Amino acid sequence: MLLALLAAALDHAAVASAFEAQAVYTLQVDGLACPFCAYGIEKQLARLDGVQAVSTQIARGTVTIIMKPGATLTEKSAAKAVDKAGFTMRSFGRKGAE
């Protein structure tokens, strides 16, 4: 029984650690006006290595990118993908970064 509890605790710690290692980025993008815009930018950003999920908030003009555990995103690669989608990136930030 004690071994099962210990194994469960270690599993939980590993899962929590994996989620903590996920980088989350927020981009401010000019020109987001409709769901078609959101689709285009999400498609380009999702193609980047290490991207797990992309979410667009049209009303705020922001895009949130969640990376796979251990992966990171550079400002240059994000700007290139945004430009390829036909938009201009105004800011780039990592959640929790100082």
C-alpha atoms as a PDB file:
ATOM      1  CA  MET A   1       0.000   0.000   0.000  1.00  0.00           C
ATOM      2  CA  LEU A   2       2.797   2.392   0.909  1.00  0.00           C
ATOM      3  CA  LEU A   3       4.533   1.644  -2.386  1.00  0.00           C
ATOM      4  CA  ALA A   4       1.352   2.427  -4.315  1.00  0.00           C
ATOM      5  CA  LEU A   5       0.987   5.770  -2.518  1.00  0.00           C
ATOM      6  CA  LEU A   6       4.629   6.610  -3.135  1.00  0.00           C
ATOM      7  CA  ALA A   7       4.309   5.721  -6.831  1.00  0.00           C
ATOM      8  CA  ALA A   8       1.168   7.859  -7.143  1.00  0.00           C
ATOM      9  CA  ALA A   9       2.901  10.790  -5.448  1.00  0.00           C
ATOM     10  CA  LEU A  10       5.897  10.496  -7.764  1.00  0.00           C
ATOM     11  CA  ASP A  11       3.607  10.284 -10.794  1.00  0.00           C
ATOM     12  CA  HIS A  12       1.776  13.414  -9.662  1.00  0.00           C
ATOM     13  CA  ALA A  13       5.070  15.238  -9.146  1.00  0.00           C
ATOM     14  CA  ALA A  14       6.251  14.258 -12.628  1.00  0.00           C
ATOM     15  CA  VAL A  15       3.020  15.460 -14.231  1.00  0.00           C
ATOM     16  CA  ALA A  16       3.079  18.732 -12.279  1.00  0.00           C
ATOM     17  CA  SER A  17       6.715  19.247 -13.243  1.00  0.00           C
ATOM     18  CA  ALA A  18       5.914  18.681 -16.919  1.00  0.00           C
ATOM     19  CA  PHE A  19       3.164  21.306 -16.858  1.00  0.00           C
ATOM     20  CA  GLU A  20       5.422  23.773 -15.078  1.00  0.00           C
ATOM     21  CA  ALA A  21       8.009  23.287 -17.813  1.00  0.00           C
ATOM     22  CA  GLN A  22       5.556  24.372 -20.506  1.00  0.00           C
ATOM     23  CA  ALA A  23       6.301  27.843 -21.799  1.00  0.00           C
ATOM     24  CA  VAL A  24       3.323  30.092 -22.535  1.00  0.00           C
ATOM     25  CA  TYR A  25       3.733  33.122 -24.797  1.00  0.00           C
ATOM     26  CA  THR A  26       1.419  36.021 -25.569  1.00  0.00           C
ATOM     27  CA  LEU A  27       1.690  38.022 -28.769  1.00  0.00           C
ATOM     28  CA  GLN A  28       0.007  41.353 -29.511  1.00  0.00           C
ATOM     29  CA  VAL A  29      -0.938  41.342 -33.188  1.00  0.00           C
ATOM     30  CA  ASP A  30      -2.278  44.141 -35.401  1.00  0.00           C
ATOM     31  CA  GLY A  31      -5.110  43.408 -37.811  1.00  0.00           C
ATOM     32  CA  LEU A  32      -7.015  40.558 -36.142  1.00  0.00           C
ATOM     33  CA  ALA A  33     -10.618  41.214 -37.098  1.00  0.00           C
ATOM     34  CA  CYS A  34     -12.459  37.954 -37.764  1.00  0.00           C
ATOM     35  CA  PRO A  35     -12.401  34.174 -37.289  1.00  0.00           C
ATOM     36  CA  PHE A  36     -10.741  33.771 -40.690  1.00  0.00           C
ATOM     37  CA  CYS A  37      -7.873  35.999 -39.475  1.00  0.00           C
ATOM     38  CA  ALA A  38      -7.591  33.889 -36.335  1.00  0.00           C
ATOM     39  CA  TYR A  39      -7.508  30.673 -38.350  1.00  0.00           C
ATOM     40  CA  GLY A  40      -4.739  31.938 -40.612  1.00  0.00           C
ATOM     41  CA  ILE A  41      -2.467  33.058 -37.807  1.00  0.00           C
ATOM     42  CA  GLU A  42      -3.150  29.949 -35.713  1.00  0.00           C
ATOM     43  CA  LYS A  43      -2.295  27.748 -38.693  1.00  0.00           C
ATOM     44  CA  GLN A  44       1.069  29.461 -39.233  1.00  0.00           C
ATOM     45  CA  LEU A  45       2.039  29.447 -35.550  1.00  0.00           C
ATOM     46  CA  ALA A  46       0.969  25.816 -35.067  1.00  0.00           C
ATOM     47  CA  ARG A  47       3.519  24.792 -37.712  1.00  0.00           C
ATOM     48  CA  LEU A  48       6.422  25.975 -35.558  1.00  0.00           C
ATOM     49  CA  ASP A  49       8.481  23.317 -33.786  1.00  0.00           C
ATOM     50  CA  GLY A  50       7.366  22.628 -30.238  1.00  0.00           C
ATOM     51  CA  VAL A  51       3.979  24.359 -30.401  1.00  0.00           C
ATOM     52  CA  GLN A  52       1.278  22.424 -28.575  1.00  0.00           C
ATOM     53  CA  ALA A  53      -1.661  24.831 -28.830  1.00  0.00           C
ATOM     54  CA  VAL A  54      -2.524  28.270 -30.209  1.00  0.00           C
ATOM     55  CA  SER A  55      -5.469  30.408 -29.129  1.00  0.00           C
ATOM     56  CA  THR A  56      -6.506  33.751 -30.606  1.00  0.00           C
ATOM     57  CA  GLN A  57      -8.467  36.431 -28.760  1.00  0.00           C
ATOM     58  CA  ILE A  58      -9.766  38.547 -31.645  1.00  0.00           C
ATOM     59  CA  ALA A  59     -11.303  41.338 -29.530  1.00  0.00           C
ATOM     60  CA  ARG A  60      -8.025  41.880 -27.665  1.00  0.00           C
ATOM     61  CA  GLY A  61      -5.773  41.334 -30.656  1.00  0.00           C
ATOM     62  CA  THR A  62      -3.743  38.735 -28.804  1.00  0.00           C
ATOM     63  CA  VAL A  63      -2.514  35.247 -29.526  1.00  0.00           C
ATOM     64  CA  THR A  64      -1.561  32.784 -26.790  1.00  0.00           C
ATOM     65  CA  ILE A  65       0.872  29.998 -27.620  1.00  0.00           C
ATOM     66  CA  ILE A  66       1.428  26.987 -25.365  1.00  0.00           C
ATOM     67  CA  MET A  67       4.598  25.065 -26.040  1.00  0.00           C
ATOM     68  CA  LYS A  68       5.253  21.367 -25.503  1.00  0.00           C
ATOM     69  CA  PRO A  69       7.152  20.615 -22.278  1.00  0.00           C
ATOM     70  CA  GLY A  70      10.737  21.800 -22.553  1.00  0.00           C
ATOM     71  CA  ALA A  71      10.189  23.666 -25.850  1.00  0.00           C
ATOM     72  CA  THR A  72      10.653  27.406 -26.254  1.00  0.00           C
ATOM     73  CA  LEU A  73       9.725  29.974 -28.876  1.00  0.00           C
ATOM     74  CA  THR A  74      11.915  32.780 -30.158  1.00  0.00           C
ATOM     75  CA  GLU A  75      10.573  36.230 -30.906  1.00  0.00           C
ATOM     76  CA  LYS A  76      12.105  36.021 -34.378  1.00  0.00           C
ATOM     77  CA  SER A  77      10.323  32.775 -35.318  1.00  0.00           C
ATOM     78  CA  ALA A  78       7.006  34.039 -33.928  1.00  0.00           C
ATOM     79  CA  ALA A  79       7.312  37.326 -35.845  1.00  0.00           C
ATOM     80  CA  LYS A  80       8.136  35.454 -39.050  1.00  0.00           C
ATOM     81  CA  ALA A  81       5.071  33.198 -38.697  1.00  0.00           C
ATOM     82  CA  VAL A  82       2.820  36.175 -37.914  1.00  0.00           C
ATOM     83  CA  ASP A  83       4.196  38.050 -40.933  1.00  0.00           C
ATOM     84  CA  LYS A  84       3.671  34.997 -43.149  1.00  0.00           C
ATOM     85  CA  ALA A  85       0.018  34.990 -42.052  1.00  0.00           C
ATOM     86  CA  GLY A  86      -0.243  38.626 -43.176  1.00  0.00           C
ATOM     87  CA  PHE A  87      -0.168  40.383 -39.802  1.00  0.00           C
ATOM     88  CA  THR A  88       2.221  42.505 -37.760  1.00  0.00           C
ATOM     89  CA  MET A  89       3.407  41.412 -34.327  1.00  0.00           C
ATOM     90  CA  ARG A  90       3.588  44.364 -31.915  1.00  0.00           C
ATOM     91  CA  SER A  91       4.752  42.607 -28.766  1.00  0.00           C
ATOM     92  CA  PHE A  92       6.075  39.251 -27.620  1.00  0.00           C
ATOM     93  CA  GLY A  93       6.111  38.046 -24.047  1.00  0.00           C
ATOM     94  CA  ARG A  94       6.510  34.885 -22.046  1.00  0.00           C
ATOM     95  CA  LYS A  95       4.104  34.295 -19.187  1.00  0.00           C
ATOM     96  CA  GLY A  96       5.957  34.347 -15.906  1.00  0.00           C
ATOM     97  CA  ALA A  97       9.112  35.815 -17.454  1.00  0.00           C
ATOM     98  CA  GLU A  98      10.583  38.812 -15.733  1.00  0.00           C
END
